[in-house]
Amino acid sequence: MDDFYDKLLGTSEPREHTINLLELGIPTHTHTHDLADLDSPFMEEEVWLTIKQLPSDKALDPDGFTGHFYKACWSIIKNDIMVAISAVWSRKLRGLGPLNTTYITLITKKENAE
């Protein structure tokens, strides 16, 4: 199954280069800019602070999950969310297949439905 997605999306290569932040030419004599954190993985605290700022009554994506859902369920979903964020940050997209696994339950709307 991974071969299918490798052919469809391609595979990511390891990073051969990083950004030399000193070469950006930002003046350091008036303000000190520590930009090293821009190349660091996201921390759980950063993600939680972002989630807390989401509007509770709006869904950000077509998935329909509102900010309230992420806030109320954070203790349950945080490990999965952090794994997904880490995979995207490190460009290791293999193993995200479970995101496409769904359980569907049909609920009848009519009495005596078969």
PDB file of N, CA and C in Angstrom:
ATOM      1  N   MET A   1       0.821  -1.188   0.000  1.00  0.00           N
ATOM      2  CA  MET A   1       0.000   0.000   0.000  1.00  0.00           C
ATOM      3  C   MET A   1       0.870   1.258   0.000  1.00  0.00           C
ATOM      4  N   ASP A   2       1.993   1.223   0.739  1.00  0.00           N
ATOM      5  CA  ASP A   2       2.885   2.384   0.740  1.00  0.00           C
ATOM      6  C   ASP A   2       3.438   2.668  -0.644  1.00  0.00           C
ATOM      7  N   ASP A   3       3.660   1.601  -1.445  1.00  0.00           N
ATOM      8  CA  ASP A   3       4.167   1.805  -2.801  1.00  0.00           C
ATOM      9  C   ASP A   3       3.199   2.621  -3.642  1.00  0.00           C
ATOM     10  N   PHE A   4       1.908   2.394  -3.445  1.00  0.00           N
ATOM     11  CA  PHE A   4       0.905   3.149  -4.187  1.00  0.00           C
ATOM     12  C   PHE A   4       1.057   4.641  -3.919  1.00  0.00           C
ATOM     13  N   TYR A   5       1.165   5.008  -2.631  1.00  0.00           N
ATOM     14  CA  TYR A   5       1.270   6.422  -2.274  1.00  0.00           C
ATOM     15  C   TYR A   5       2.648   6.995  -2.623  1.00  0.00           C
ATOM     16  N   ASP A   6       3.675   6.157  -2.552  1.00  0.00           N
ATOM     17  CA  ASP A   6       4.997   6.630  -2.984  1.00  0.00           C
ATOM     18  C   ASP A   6       4.963   7.025  -4.457  1.00  0.00           C
ATOM     19  N   LYS A   7       4.300   6.233  -5.270  1.00  0.00           N
ATOM     20  CA  LYS A   7       4.198   6.553  -6.695  1.00  0.00           C
ATOM     21  C   LYS A   7       3.295   7.759  -6.930  1.00  0.00           C
ATOM     22  N   LEU A   8       2.228   7.851  -6.138  1.00  0.00           N
ATOM     23  CA  LEU A   8       1.277   8.945  -6.308  1.00  0.00           C
ATOM     24  C   LEU A   8       1.849  10.271  -5.809  1.00  0.00           C
ATOM     25  N   LEU A   9       2.425  10.273  -4.615  1.00  0.00           N
ATOM     26  CA  LEU A   9       2.889  11.508  -3.985  1.00  0.00           C
ATOM     27  C   LEU A   9       4.389  11.699  -4.062  1.00  0.00           C
ATOM     28  N   GLY A  10       5.128  10.632  -4.323  1.00  0.00           N
ATOM     29  CA  GLY A  10       6.581  10.721  -4.270  1.00  0.00           C
ATOM     30  C   GLY A  10       7.047  10.491  -2.849  1.00  0.00           C
ATOM     31  N   THR A  11       8.339  10.420  -2.678  1.00  0.00           N
ATOM     32  CA  THR A  11       8.894  10.224  -1.348  1.00  0.00           C
ATOM     33  C   THR A  11       9.715  11.438  -0.968  1.00  0.00           C
ATOM     34  N   SER A  12       9.804  11.685   0.301  1.00  0.00           N
ATOM     35  CA  SER A  12      10.580  12.829   0.761  1.00  0.00           C
ATOM     36  C   SER A  12      12.029  12.413   0.958  1.00  0.00           C
ATOM     37  N   GLU A  13      12.892  13.306   0.643  1.00  0.00           N
ATOM     38  CA  GLU A  13      14.320  13.078   0.821  1.00  0.00           C
ATOM     39  C   GLU A  13      14.764  13.709   2.125  1.00  0.00           C
ATOM     40  N   PRO A  14      15.783  13.153   2.757  1.00  0.00           N
ATOM     41  CA  PRO A  14      16.289  13.802   3.969  1.00  0.00           C
ATOM     42  C   PRO A  14      16.827  15.194   3.648  1.00  0.00           C
ATOM     43  N   ARG A  15      16.751  16.075   4.602  1.00  0.00           N
ATOM     44  CA  ARG A  15      17.249  17.430   4.399  1.00  0.00           C
ATOM     45  C   ARG A  15      18.764  17.408   4.258  1.00  0.00           C
ATOM     46  N   GLU A  16      19.249  17.936   3.156  1.00  0.00           N
ATOM     47  CA  GLU A  16      20.690  18.025   2.956  1.00  0.00           C
ATOM     48  C   GLU A  16      21.221  19.361   3.455  1.00  0.00           C
ATOM     49  N   HIS A  17      20.340  20.346   3.512  1.00  0.00           N
ATOM     50  CA  HIS A  17      20.762  21.689   3.895  1.00  0.00           C
ATOM     51  C   HIS A  17      19.785  22.255   4.917  1.00  0.00           C
ATOM     52  N   THR A  18      20.270  23.134   5.713  1.00  0.00           N
ATOM     53  CA  THR A  18      19.408  23.891   6.598  1.00  0.00           C
ATOM     54  C   THR A  18      19.633  25.367   6.306  1.00  0.00           C
ATOM     55  N   ILE A  19      18.786  26.178   6.830  1.00  0.00           N
ATOM     56  CA  ILE A  19      18.912  27.619   6.603  1.00  0.00           C
ATOM     57  C   ILE A  19      19.960  28.183   7.545  1.00  0.00           C
ATOM     58  N   ASN A  20      20.909  28.896   6.979  1.00  0.00           N
ATOM     59  CA  ASN A  20      21.892  29.602   7.789  1.00  0.00           C
ATOM     60  C   ASN A  20      21.267  30.933   8.172  1.00  0.00           C
ATOM     61  N   LEU A  21      20.747  31.002   9.378  1.00  0.00           N
ATOM     62  CA  LEU A  21      19.998  32.176   9.814  1.00  0.00           C
ATOM     63  C   LEU A  21      20.863  33.430   9.867  1.00  0.00           C
ATOM     64  N   LEU A  22      22.156  33.267  10.030  1.00  0.00           N
ATOM     65  CA  LEU A  22      23.046  34.432  10.057  1.00  0.00           C
ATOM     66  C   LEU A  22      23.141  35.098   8.691  1.00  0.00           C
ATOM     67  N   GLU A  23      22.929  34.324   7.635  1.00  0.00           N
ATOM     68  CA  GLU A  23      23.031  34.860   6.276  1.00  0.00           C
ATOM     69  C   GLU A  23      21.796  35.637   5.829  1.00  0.00           C
ATOM     70  N   LEU A  24      20.756  35.680   6.661  1.00  0.00           N
ATOM     71  CA  LEU A  24      19.539  36.396   6.278  1.00  0.00           C
ATOM     72  C   LEU A  24      19.730  37.909   6.286  1.00  0.00           C
ATOM     73  N   GLY A  25      20.770  38.372   6.927  1.00  0.00           N
ATOM     74  CA  GLY A  25      21.063  39.798   6.918  1.00  0.00           C
ATOM     75  C   GLY A  25      20.189  40.629   7.837  1.00  0.00           C
ATOM     76  N   ILE A  26      19.612  40.039   8.853  1.00  0.00           N
ATOM     77  CA  ILE A  26      18.801  40.801   9.801  1.00  0.00           C
ATOM     78  C   ILE A  26      19.748  41.547  10.730  1.00  0.00           C
ATOM     79  N   PRO A  27      19.597  42.859  10.840  1.00  0.00           N
ATOM     80  CA  PRO A  27      20.505  43.607  11.712  1.00  0.00           C
ATOM     81  C   PRO A  27      20.394  43.146  13.157  1.00  0.00           C
ATOM     82  N   THR A  28      21.531  42.886  13.761  1.00  0.00           N
ATOM     83  CA  THR A  28      21.526  42.404  15.139  1.00  0.00           C
ATOM     84  C   THR A  28      22.022  43.454  16.115  1.00  0.00           C
ATOM     85  N   HIS A  29      22.480  44.610  15.597  1.00  0.00           N
ATOM     86  CA  HIS A  29      23.015  45.604  16.514  1.00  0.00           C
ATOM     87  C   HIS A  29      21.930  46.339  17.293  1.00  0.00           C
ATOM     88  N   THR A  30      20.703  46.426  16.753  1.00  0.00           N
ATOM     89  CA  THR A  30      19.640  47.124  17.480  1.00  0.00           C
ATOM     90  C   THR A  30      18.748  46.154  18.249  1.00  0.00           C
ATOM     91  N   HIS A  31      18.486  44.988  17.661  1.00  0.00           N
ATOM     92  CA  HIS A  31      17.644  43.983  18.301  1.00  0.00           C
ATOM     93  C   HIS A  31      18.289  42.622  18.110  1.00  0.00           C
ATOM     94  N   THR A  32      18.189  41.824  19.114  1.00  0.00           N
ATOM     95  CA  THR A  32      18.680  40.457  18.990  1.00  0.00           C
ATOM     96  C   THR A  32      17.513  39.578  18.576  1.00  0.00           C
ATOM     97  N   HIS A  33      17.692  38.847  17.484  1.00  0.00           N
ATOM     98  CA  HIS A  33      16.657  37.949  16.978  1.00  0.00           C
ATOM     99  C   HIS A  33      17.181  36.528  17.072  1.00  0.00           C
ATOM    100  N   ASP A  34      16.626  35.758  17.956  1.00  0.00           N
ATOM    101  CA  ASP A  34      16.995  34.353  18.045  1.00  0.00           C
ATOM    102  C   ASP A  34      16.009  33.571  17.187  1.00  0.00           C
ATOM    103  N   LEU A  35      16.424  33.250  15.975  1.00  0.00           N
ATOM    104  CA  LEU A  35      15.547  32.570  15.027  1.00  0.00           C
ATOM    105  C   LEU A  35      15.780  31.063  14.991  1.00  0.00           C
ATOM    106  N   ALA A  36      16.627  30.564  15.863  1.00  0.00           N
ATOM    107  CA  ALA A  36      16.939  29.138  15.849  1.00  0.00           C
ATOM    108  C   ALA A  36      15.689  28.292  16.088  1.00  0.00           C
ATOM    109  N   ASP A  37      14.730  28.810  16.843  1.00  0.00           N
ATOM    110  CA  ASP A  37      13.510  28.048  17.121  1.00  0.00           C
ATOM    111  C   ASP A  37      12.661  27.810  15.871  1.00  0.00           C
ATOM    112  N   LEU A  38      12.885  28.589  14.818  1.00  0.00           N
ATOM    113  CA  LEU A  38      12.108  28.399  13.593  1.00  0.00           C
ATOM    114  C   LEU A  38      12.400  27.060  12.934  1.00  0.00           C
ATOM    115  N   ASP A  39      13.543  26.476  13.255  1.00  0.00           N
ATOM    116  CA  ASP A  39      13.925  25.190  12.668  1.00  0.00           C
ATOM    117  C   ASP A  39      13.721  24.051  13.662  1.00  0.00           C
ATOM    118  N   SER A  40      13.000  24.315  14.757  1.00  0.00           N
ATOM    119  CA  SER A  40      12.755  23.303  15.791  1.00  0.00           C
ATOM    120  C   SER A  40      11.384  22.678  15.601  1.00  0.00           C
ATOM    121  N   PRO A  41      11.238  21.427  16.015  1.00  0.00           N
ATOM    122  CA  PRO A  41       9.909  20.808  15.942  1.00  0.00           C
ATOM    123  C   PRO A  41       8.915  21.530  16.851  1.00  0.00           C
ATOM    124  N   PHE A  42       7.633  21.402  16.532  1.00  0.00           N
ATOM    125  CA  PHE A  42       6.588  21.993  17.358  1.00  0.00           C
ATOM    126  C   PHE A  42       6.494  21.241  18.676  1.00  0.00           C
ATOM    127  N   MET A  43       6.307  21.974  19.746  1.00  0.00           N
ATOM    128  CA  MET A  43       6.151  21.386  21.064  1.00  0.00           C
ATOM    129  C   MET A  43       4.657  21.305  21.397  1.00  0.00           C
ATOM    130  N   GLU A  44       4.298  20.362  22.239  1.00  0.00           N
ATOM    131  CA  GLU A  44       2.897  20.175  22.608  1.00  0.00           C
ATOM    132  C   GLU A  44       2.294  21.448  23.188  1.00  0.00           C
ATOM    133  N   GLU A  45       3.070  22.172  23.979  1.00  0.00           N
ATOM    134  CA  GLU A  45       2.570  23.405  24.585  1.00  0.00           C
ATOM    135  C   GLU A  45       2.213  24.440  23.521  1.00  0.00           C
ATOM    136  N   GLU A  46       3.025  24.522  22.462  1.00  0.00           N
ATOM    137  CA  GLU A  46       2.746  25.471  21.375  1.00  0.00           C
ATOM    138  C   GLU A  46       1.445  25.118  20.660  1.00  0.00           C
ATOM    139  N   VAL A  47       1.260  23.834  20.406  1.00  0.00           N
ATOM    140  CA  VAL A  47       0.046  23.384  19.722  1.00  0.00           C
ATOM    141  C   VAL A  47      -1.167  23.658  20.602  1.00  0.00           C
ATOM    142  N   TRP A  48      -1.067  23.361  21.901  1.00  0.00           N
ATOM    143  CA  TRP A  48      -2.184  23.599  22.816  1.00  0.00           C
ATOM    144  C   TRP A  48      -2.515  25.080  22.893  1.00  0.00           C
ATOM    145  N   LEU A  49      -1.508  25.947  22.954  1.00  0.00           N
ATOM    146  CA  LEU A  49      -1.778  27.391  22.981  1.00  0.00           C
ATOM    147  C   LEU A  49      -2.506  27.837  21.718  1.00  0.00           C
ATOM    148  N   THR A  50      -2.150  27.259  20.591  1.00  0.00           N
ATOM    149  CA  THR A  50      -2.831  27.588  19.329  1.00  0.00           C
ATOM    150  C   THR A  50      -4.269  27.092  19.354  1.00  0.00           C
ATOM    151  N   ILE A  51      -4.473  25.885  19.841  1.00  0.00           N
ATOM    152  CA  ILE A  51      -5.830  25.330  19.913  1.00  0.00           C
ATOM    153  C   ILE A  51      -6.709  26.169  20.833  1.00  0.00           C
ATOM    154  N   LYS A  52      -6.161  26.626  21.951  1.00  0.00           N
ATOM    155  CA  LYS A  52      -6.944  27.448  22.878  1.00  0.00           C
ATOM    156  C   LYS A  52      -7.402  28.753  22.226  1.00  0.00           C
ATOM    157  N   GLN A  53      -6.700  29.213  21.198  1.00  0.00           N
ATOM    158  CA  GLN A  53      -7.068  30.458  20.520  1.00  0.00           C
ATOM    159  C   GLN A  53      -8.080  30.247  19.398  1.00  0.00           C
ATOM    160  N   LEU A  54      -8.399  28.992  19.084  1.00  0.00           N
ATOM    161  CA  LEU A  54      -9.372  28.727  18.019  1.00  0.00           C
ATOM    162  C   LEU A  54     -10.751  29.202  18.435  1.00  0.00           C
ATOM    163  N   PRO A  55     -11.531  29.740  17.495  1.00  0.00           N
ATOM    164  CA  PRO A  55     -12.917  30.071  17.832  1.00  0.00           C
ATOM    165  C   PRO A  55     -13.685  28.781  18.127  1.00  0.00           C
ATOM    166  N   SER A  56     -14.397  28.752  19.224  1.00  0.00           N
ATOM    167  CA  SER A  56     -15.057  27.522  19.660  1.00  0.00           C
ATOM    168  C   SER A  56     -16.214  27.099  18.764  1.00  0.00           C
ATOM    169  N   ASP A  57     -16.852  28.047  18.119  1.00  0.00           N
ATOM    170  CA  ASP A  57     -18.067  27.736  17.374  1.00  0.00           C
ATOM    171  C   ASP A  57     -17.862  27.605  15.873  1.00  0.00           C
ATOM    172  N   LYS A  58     -16.619  27.529  15.406  1.00  0.00           N
ATOM    173  CA  LYS A  58     -16.362  27.441  13.967  1.00  0.00           C
ATOM    174  C   LYS A  58     -15.513  26.227  13.649  1.00  0.00           C
ATOM    175  N   ALA A  59     -15.813  25.595  12.513  1.00  0.00           N
ATOM    176  CA  ALA A  59     -14.999  24.492  12.006  1.00  0.00           C
ATOM    177  C   ALA A  59     -14.000  25.080  11.021  1.00  0.00           C
ATOM    178  N   LEU A  60     -12.752  24.727  11.194  1.00  0.00           N
ATOM    179  CA  LEU A  60     -11.699  25.299  10.353  1.00  0.00           C
ATOM    180  C   LEU A  60     -11.581  24.599   9.013  1.00  0.00           C
ATOM    181  N   ASP A  61     -11.994  23.354   8.949  1.00  0.00           N
ATOM    182  CA  ASP A  61     -11.868  22.561   7.736  1.00  0.00           C
ATOM    183  C   ASP A  61     -13.190  21.893   7.423  1.00  0.00           C
ATOM    184  N   PRO A  62     -13.265  21.305   6.250  1.00  0.00           N
ATOM    185  CA  PRO A  62     -14.504  20.591   5.903  1.00  0.00           C
ATOM    186  C   PRO A  62     -14.787  19.390   6.792  1.00  0.00           C
ATOM    187  N   ASP A  63     -13.826  18.998   7.656  1.00  0.00           N
ATOM    188  CA  ASP A  63     -14.081  17.848   8.523  1.00  0.00           C
ATOM    189  C   ASP A  63     -15.157  18.134   9.559  1.00  0.00           C
ATOM    190  N   GLY A  64     -15.493  19.409   9.775  1.00  0.00           N
ATOM    191  CA  GLY A  64     -16.579  19.775  10.669  1.00  0.00           C
ATOM    192  C   GLY A  64     -16.207  19.852  12.134  1.00  0.00           C
ATOM    193  N   PHE A  65     -14.951  19.593  12.494  1.00  0.00           N
ATOM    194  CA  PHE A  65     -14.545  19.664  13.896  1.00  0.00           C
ATOM    195  C   PHE A  65     -14.328  21.113  14.291  1.00  0.00           C
ATOM    196  N   THR A  66     -15.051  21.546  15.300  1.00  0.00           N
ATOM    197  CA  THR A  66     -14.952  22.931  15.749  1.00  0.00           C
ATOM    198  C   THR A  66     -13.808  23.079  16.750  1.00  0.00           C
ATOM    199  N   GLY A  67     -13.487  24.329  17.038  1.00  0.00           N
ATOM    200  CA  GLY A  67     -12.497  24.608  18.065  1.00  0.00           C
ATOM    201  C   GLY A  67     -12.903  24.002  19.393  1.00  0.00           C
ATOM    202  N   HIS A  68     -14.207  23.985  19.676  1.00  0.00           N
ATOM    203  CA  HIS A  68     -14.705  23.388  20.923  1.00  0.00           C
ATOM    204  C   HIS A  68     -14.326  21.913  21.010  1.00  0.00           C
ATOM    205  N   PHE A  69     -14.444  21.191  19.889  1.00  0.00           N
ATOM    206  CA  PHE A  69     -14.074  19.772  19.867  1.00  0.00           C
ATOM    207  C   PHE A  69     -12.611  19.604  20.249  1.00  0.00           C
ATOM    208  N   TYR A  70     -11.718  20.362  19.591  1.00  0.00           N
ATOM    209  CA  TYR A  70     -10.286  20.215  19.877  1.00  0.00           C
ATOM    210  C   TYR A  70      -9.967  20.563  21.330  1.00  0.00           C
ATOM    211  N   LYS A  71     -10.627  21.584  21.861  1.00  0.00           N
ATOM    212  CA  LYS A  71     -10.382  21.984  23.252  1.00  0.00           C
ATOM    213  C   LYS A  71     -10.905  20.931  24.229  1.00  0.00           C
ATOM    214  N   ALA A  72     -12.128  20.463  23.995  1.00  0.00           N
ATOM    215  CA  ALA A  72     -12.764  19.525  24.913  1.00  0.00           C
ATOM    216  C   ALA A  72     -12.104  18.140  24.863  1.00  0.00           C
ATOM    217  N   CYS A  73     -11.597  17.762  23.701  1.00  0.00           N
ATOM    218  CA  CYS A  73     -11.054  16.412  23.520  1.00  0.00           C
ATOM    219  C   CYS A  73      -9.530  16.369  23.503  1.00  0.00           C
ATOM    220  N   TRP A  74      -8.885  17.472  23.821  1.00  0.00           N
ATOM    221  CA  TRP A  74      -7.427  17.548  23.695  1.00  0.00           C
ATOM    222  C   TRP A  74      -6.729  16.421  24.450  1.00  0.00           C
ATOM    223  N   SER A  75      -7.177  16.099  25.647  1.00  0.00           N
ATOM    224  CA  SER A  75      -6.497  15.053  26.418  1.00  0.00           C
ATOM    225  C   SER A  75      -6.587  13.691  25.725  1.00  0.00           C
ATOM    226  N   ILE A  76      -7.587  13.497  24.903  1.00  0.00           N
ATOM    227  CA  ILE A  76      -7.777  12.231  24.187  1.00  0.00           C
ATOM    228  C   ILE A  76      -7.028  12.228  22.864  1.00  0.00           C
ATOM    229  N   ILE A  77      -7.056  13.348  22.135  1.00  0.00           N
ATOM    230  CA  ILE A  77      -6.520  13.384  20.770  1.00  0.00           C
ATOM    231  C   ILE A  77      -5.108  13.938  20.660  1.00  0.00           C
ATOM    232  N   LYS A  78      -4.551  14.482  21.747  1.00  0.00           N
ATOM    233  CA  LYS A  78      -3.278  15.197  21.639  1.00  0.00           C
ATOM    234  C   LYS A  78      -2.145  14.316  21.128  1.00  0.00           C
ATOM    235  N   ASN A  79      -2.068  13.057  21.560  1.00  0.00           N
ATOM    236  CA  ASN A  79      -0.974  12.204  21.089  1.00  0.00           C
ATOM    237  C   ASN A  79      -1.050  11.984  19.582  1.00  0.00           C
ATOM    238  N   ASP A  80      -2.251  11.724  19.069  1.00  0.00           N
ATOM    239  CA  ASP A  80      -2.412  11.521  17.630  1.00  0.00           C
ATOM    240  C   ASP A  80      -2.112  12.796  16.850  1.00  0.00           C
ATOM    241  N   ILE A  81      -2.579  13.926  17.363  1.00  0.00           N
ATOM    242  CA  ILE A  81      -2.321  15.209  16.691  1.00  0.00           C
ATOM    243  C   ILE A  81      -0.824  15.491  16.665  1.00  0.00           C
ATOM    244  N   MET A  82      -0.148  15.264  17.780  1.00  0.00           N
ATOM    245  CA  MET A  82       1.289  15.540  17.840  1.00  0.00           C
ATOM    246  C   MET A  82       2.073  14.606  16.929  1.00  0.00           C
ATOM    247  N   VAL A  83       1.664  13.348  16.810  1.00  0.00           N
ATOM    248  CA  VAL A  83       2.325  12.418  15.893  1.00  0.00           C
ATOM    249  C   VAL A  83       2.167  12.903  14.454  1.00  0.00           C
ATOM    250  N   ALA A  84       0.967  13.344  14.108  1.00  0.00           N
ATOM    251  CA  ALA A  84       0.723  13.835  12.749  1.00  0.00           C
ATOM    252  C   ALA A  84       1.541  15.095  12.466  1.00  0.00           C
ATOM    253  N   ILE A  85       1.569  16.031  13.406  1.00  0.00           N
ATOM    254  CA  ILE A  85       2.336  17.268  13.225  1.00  0.00           C
ATOM    255  C   ILE A  85       3.824  16.956  13.106  1.00  0.00           C
ATOM    256  N   SER A  86       4.307  16.054  13.932  1.00  0.00           N
ATOM    257  CA  SER A  86       5.715  15.674  13.891  1.00  0.00           C
ATOM    258  C   SER A  86       6.067  15.020  12.558  1.00  0.00           C
ATOM    259  N   ALA A  87       5.178  14.173  12.054  1.00  0.00           N
ATOM    260  CA  ALA A  87       5.427  13.507  10.771  1.00  0.00           C
ATOM    261  C   ALA A  87       5.492  14.518   9.635  1.00  0.00           C
ATOM    262  N   VAL A  88       4.589  15.482   9.643  1.00  0.00           N
ATOM    263  CA  VAL A  88       4.598  16.501   8.590  1.00  0.00           C
ATOM    264  C   VAL A  88       5.849  17.366   8.712  1.00  0.00           C
ATOM    265  N   TRP A  89       6.207  17.775   9.936  1.00  0.00           N
ATOM    266  CA  TRP A  89       7.387  18.615  10.132  1.00  0.00           C
ATOM    267  C   TRP A  89       8.652  17.909   9.666  1.00  0.00           C
ATOM    268  N   SER A  90       8.780  16.618   9.994  1.00  0.00           N
ATOM    269  CA  SER A  90       9.989  15.887   9.643  1.00  0.00           C
ATOM    270  C   SER A  90       9.923  15.285   8.243  1.00  0.00           C
ATOM    271  N   ARG A  91       8.805  15.530   7.557  1.00  0.00           N
ATOM    272  CA  ARG A  91       8.602  15.055   6.189  1.00  0.00           C
ATOM    273  C   ARG A  91       8.609  13.534   6.110  1.00  0.00           C
ATOM    274  N   LYS A  92       8.192  12.884   7.184  1.00  0.00           N
ATOM    275  CA  LYS A  92       8.072  11.422   7.216  1.00  0.00           C
ATOM    276  C   LYS A  92       6.589  11.098   7.169  1.00  0.00           C
ATOM    277  N   LEU A  93       6.065  11.007   5.972  1.00  0.00           N
ATOM    278  CA  LEU A  93       4.626  10.875   5.805  1.00  0.00           C
ATOM    279  C   LEU A  93       4.156   9.430   5.743  1.00  0.00           C
ATOM    280  N   ARG A  94       5.070   8.495   5.842  1.00  0.00           N
ATOM    281  CA  ARG A  94       4.658   7.088   5.886  1.00  0.00           C
ATOM    282  C   ARG A  94       4.004   6.803   7.226  1.00  0.00           C
ATOM    283  N   GLY A  95       3.121   5.860   7.242  1.00  0.00           N
ATOM    284  CA  GLY A  95       2.481   5.474   8.489  1.00  0.00           C
ATOM    285  C   GLY A  95       1.295   6.341   8.861  1.00  0.00           C
ATOM    286  N   LEU A  96       0.916   7.264   7.986  1.00  0.00           N
ATOM    287  CA  LEU A  96      -0.254   8.075   8.275  1.00  0.00           C
ATOM    288  C   LEU A  96      -1.524   7.432   7.705  1.00  0.00           C
ATOM    289  N   GLY A  97      -1.392   6.202   7.239  1.00  0.00           N
ATOM    290  CA  GLY A  97      -2.537   5.477   6.698  1.00  0.00           C
ATOM    291  C   GLY A  97      -3.718   5.386   7.636  1.00  0.00           C
ATOM    292  N   PRO A  98      -3.482   5.222   8.956  1.00  0.00           N
ATOM    293  CA  PRO A  98      -4.634   5.148   9.869  1.00  0.00           C
ATOM    294  C   PRO A  98      -5.532   6.389   9.830  1.00  0.00           C
ATOM    295  N   LEU A  99      -5.008   7.513   9.331  1.00  0.00           N
ATOM    296  CA  LEU A  99      -5.865   8.692   9.216  1.00  0.00           C
ATOM    297  C   LEU A  99      -6.996   8.473   8.228  1.00  0.00           C
ATOM    298  N   ASN A 100      -6.794   7.535   7.311  1.00  0.00           N
ATOM    299  CA  ASN A 100      -7.813   7.251   6.311  1.00  0.00           C
ATOM    300  C   ASN A 100      -8.706   6.077   6.704  1.00  0.00           C
ATOM    301  N   THR A 101      -8.527   5.545   7.896  1.00  0.00           N
ATOM    302  CA  THR A 101      -9.354   4.446   8.377  1.00  0.00           C
ATOM    303  C   THR A 101     -10.592   5.019   9.055  1.00  0.00           C
ATOM    304  N   THR A 102     -11.741   4.529   8.638  1.00  0.00           N
ATOM    305  CA  THR A 102     -12.985   5.069   9.166  1.00  0.00           C
ATOM    306  C   THR A 102     -13.937   3.935   9.515  1.00  0.00           C
ATOM    307  N   TYR A 103     -14.641   4.090  10.604  1.00  0.00           N
ATOM    308  CA  TYR A 103     -15.731   3.184  10.946  1.00  0.00           C
ATOM    309  C   TYR A 103     -17.027   3.898  10.621  1.00  0.00           C
ATOM    310  N   ILE A 104     -17.868   3.251   9.846  1.00  0.00           N
ATOM    311  CA  ILE A 104     -19.142   3.845   9.461  1.00  0.00           C
ATOM    312  C   ILE A 104     -20.263   3.038  10.108  1.00  0.00           C
ATOM    313  N   THR A 105     -21.157   3.720  10.765  1.00  0.00           N
ATOM    314  CA  THR A 105     -22.321   3.094  11.364  1.00  0.00           C
ATOM    315  C   THR A 105     -23.557   3.693  10.722  1.00  0.00           C
ATOM    316  N   LEU A 106     -24.374   2.841  10.170  1.00  0.00           N
ATOM    317  CA  LEU A 106     -25.609   3.308   9.548  1.00  0.00           C
ATOM    318  C   LEU A 106     -26.688   3.406  10.612  1.00  0.00           C
ATOM    319  N   ILE A 107     -27.349   4.521  10.668  1.00  0.00           N
ATOM    320  CA  ILE A 107     -28.429   4.745  11.619  1.00  0.00           C
ATOM    321  C   ILE A 107     -29.712   4.925  10.822  1.00  0.00           C
ATOM    322  N   THR A 108     -30.665   4.089  11.090  1.00  0.00           N
ATOM    323  CA  THR A 108     -31.911   4.147  10.323  1.00  0.00           C
ATOM    324  C   THR A 108     -32.718   5.377  10.705  1.00  0.00           C
ATOM    325  N   LYS A 109     -33.394   5.934   9.709  1.00  0.00           N
ATOM    326  CA  LYS A 109     -34.239   7.100   9.934  1.00  0.00           C
ATOM    327  C   LYS A 109     -35.717   6.716   9.843  1.00  0.00           C
ATOM    328  N   LYS A 110     -35.974   5.507   9.385  1.00  0.00           N
ATOM    329  CA  LYS A 110     -37.356   5.057   9.229  1.00  0.00           C
ATOM    330  C   LYS A 110     -37.593   3.838  10.109  1.00  0.00           C
ATOM    331  N   GLU A 111     -38.765   3.730  10.624  1.00  0.00           N
ATOM    332  CA  GLU A 111     -39.118   2.552  11.393  1.00  0.00           C
ATOM    333  C   GLU A 111     -39.187   1.344  10.462  1.00  0.00           C
ATOM    334  N   ASN A 112     -38.844   0.171  10.989  1.00  0.00           N
ATOM    335  CA  ASN A 112     -38.875  -1.092  10.246  1.00  0.00           C
ATOM    336  C   ASN A 112     -37.958  -1.105   9.025  1.00  0.00           C
ATOM    337  N   ALA A 113     -36.921  -0.336   9.048  1.00  0.00           N
ATOM    338  CA  ALA A 113     -35.985  -0.345   7.926  1.00  0.00           C
ATOM    339  C   ALA A 113     -35.201  -1.647   7.930  1.00  0.00           C
ATOM    340  N   GLU A 114     -34.840  -2.110   6.744  1.00  0.00           N
ATOM    341  CA  GLU A 114     -34.065  -3.347   6.616  1.00  0.00           C
ATOM    342  C   GLU A 114     -32.738  -3.025   5.948  1.00  0.00           C
TER     343      GLU A 114
END
